[in-house]
Protein backbone atom coordinates (compact mmCIF):
# COMPACT_ATOMS: atom_id res chain seq x y z
CA MET A 1 12.22 -6.56 -17.58
CA ALA A 2 10.57 -9.05 -15.25
CA SER A 3 6.91 -9.90 -15.74
CA MET A 4 4.54 -7.81 -13.62
CA GLU A 5 0.87 -8.19 -12.74
CA VAL A 6 -1.20 -5.71 -10.72
CA LYS A 7 -4.28 -6.80 -8.79
CA ILE A 8 -6.39 -5.67 -5.87
CA LEU A 9 -5.37 -7.64 -2.81
CA THR A 10 -7.98 -9.72 -1.01
CA GLU A 11 -8.15 -11.25 2.44
CA GLU A 12 -6.37 -14.31 1.02
CA ASP A 13 -3.35 -12.08 0.38
CA ILE A 14 -3.03 -10.88 3.99
CA ASN A 15 0.01 -13.05 4.77
CA ILE A 16 2.08 -11.87 1.82
CA TYR A 17 0.95 -8.29 2.42
CA TRP A 18 1.96 -8.63 6.08
CA LEU A 19 5.49 -9.70 5.12
CA LEU A 20 5.90 -6.78 2.71
CA ARG A 21 4.49 -4.38 5.30
CA LEU A 22 7.06 -5.57 7.86
CA GLU A 23 9.81 -5.10 5.27
CA ALA A 24 8.54 -1.59 4.58
CA LEU A 25 8.46 -0.63 8.26
CA GLN A 26 11.99 -1.96 8.75
CA ASN A 27 13.49 -0.37 5.64
CA ASN A 28 11.62 2.95 5.56
CA PRO A 29 10.03 3.64 8.96
CA GLU A 30 9.94 7.37 8.24
CA ALA A 31 7.39 6.80 5.48
CA PHE A 32 4.65 5.38 7.72
CA ALA A 33 2.42 6.75 10.48
CA ALA A 34 2.63 3.54 12.52
CA THR A 35 5.91 2.26 13.88
CA LEU A 36 7.01 -1.35 13.60
CA GLU A 37 6.44 -1.73 17.33
CA GLU A 38 2.88 -0.37 17.10
CA THR A 39 2.15 -2.66 14.17
CA LEU A 40 3.32 -5.70 16.12
CA THR A 41 1.19 -5.00 19.22
CA GLY A 42 -1.97 -6.81 20.25
CA ASP A 43 -3.18 -10.39 20.16
CA ASP A 44 -3.42 -10.45 16.36
CA PRO A 45 -1.04 -7.88 14.89
CA LYS A 46 -2.25 -8.57 11.35
CA GLN A 47 -5.57 -6.99 12.36
CA ASN A 48 -3.73 -3.65 12.48
CA ILE A 49 -3.28 -3.74 8.70
CA LYS A 50 -6.24 -5.87 7.63
CA SER A 51 -8.43 -2.78 7.15
CA PHE A 52 -6.18 -1.67 4.28
CA ILE A 53 -7.42 -4.72 2.39
CA THR A 54 -10.95 -5.25 3.71
CA GLY A 55 -11.98 -1.80 4.93
CA GLU A 56 -15.01 0.00 3.51
CA GLY A 57 -13.97 2.17 0.57
CA MET A 58 -10.39 0.87 0.72
CA ALA A 59 -8.44 -0.98 -1.94
CA THR A 60 -4.85 -2.13 -1.72
CA TYR A 61 -3.24 -2.84 -5.06
CA GLY A 62 -0.32 -5.19 -5.29
CA ALA A 63 2.32 -5.40 -7.99
CA PHE A 64 3.52 -8.96 -8.40
CA VAL A 65 6.91 -9.29 -10.07
CA ASP A 66 7.58 -12.80 -11.30
CA GLY A 67 4.75 -13.98 -9.04
CA ARG A 68 6.08 -12.31 -5.87
CA LEU A 69 4.41 -9.33 -4.18
CA ALA A 70 6.93 -6.54 -4.64
CA ALA A 71 4.97 -3.29 -4.29
CA VAL A 72 1.71 -2.08 -2.78
CA ALA A 73 -0.39 1.07 -2.78
CA THR A 74 -3.58 1.69 -0.81
CA VAL A 75 -6.36 3.91 -2.11
CA ARG A 76 -9.34 5.16 -0.11
CA ARG A 77 -12.47 6.40 -1.84
CA PHE A 78 -14.48 9.05 -0.07
CA PRO A 79 -17.90 7.83 1.14
CA LEU A 80 -19.80 11.14 0.99
CA GLU A 81 -22.14 11.41 -1.98
CA LYS A 82 -20.58 14.58 -3.35
CA MET A 83 -17.08 13.16 -2.92
CA LYS A 84 -17.53 9.62 -4.28
CA HIS A 85 -15.66 10.55 -7.46
CA LYS A 86 -12.53 11.26 -5.41
CA GLY A 87 -9.95 9.09 -3.76
CA SER A 88 -6.80 9.42 -1.74
CA LEU A 89 -3.55 7.52 -1.92
CA LEU A 90 -2.85 6.49 1.67
CA GLY A 91 0.49 4.87 1.17
CA MET A 92 2.80 3.14 -1.23
CA TYR A 93 5.84 0.93 -0.90
CA VAL A 94 8.15 -0.64 -3.46
CA SER A 95 10.52 -3.33 -2.22
CA LYS A 96 14.19 -2.42 -2.37
CA THR A 97 14.74 -5.55 -4.47
CA VAL A 98 12.85 -4.05 -7.43
CA ARG A 99 13.40 -0.31 -7.06
CA GLY A 100 14.67 1.55 -10.10
CA GLN A 101 12.80 -0.70 -12.55
CA GLY A 102 9.67 1.43 -12.98
CA ILE A 103 7.50 -0.87 -10.84
CA GLY A 104 6.09 2.00 -8.77
CA LYS A 105 5.20 3.99 -11.88
CA ARG A 106 3.54 1.00 -13.50
CA LEU A 107 1.60 0.30 -10.29
CA MET A 108 0.31 3.88 -10.17
CA GLU A 109 -0.63 3.79 -13.86
CA ALA A 110 -2.64 0.60 -13.26
CA ILE A 111 -4.41 2.20 -10.27
CA ILE A 112 -5.31 5.28 -12.32
CA GLU A 113 -6.66 3.16 -15.18
CA ASP A 114 -8.68 1.02 -12.78
CA SER A 115 -10.07 4.14 -11.07
CA LYS A 116 -11.26 5.52 -14.41
CA LYS A 117 -13.36 2.37 -14.91
CA LYS A 118 -15.06 2.54 -11.51
CA LYS A 119 -18.30 4.45 -11.20
CA PRO A 120 -18.98 6.45 -8.02
């Protein structure tokens, strides 16, 4: 099995996230609310997805396989005081190049473990 590392993406990762997002919208458009065309609109199309990385209460986790971003999942924590212990998985994508290797499962396990460590 290839080496895999999971980390929370930062603004410095926007370009590699952008490329994987475009791949996702091309390969599995049915899995996303926004279309490829909608994502590419505006003066700075990357702004359309930047909130997944930098938005309040949002965290996008990336699975890097052999140093290359191969899977992502975005989690949103609820801001209301009584709901801070809860989160929602907004979306997930595993590149076709690594599907069937357990990358998605390992990414979700890492997210769950990380969530257990975070205090509301």
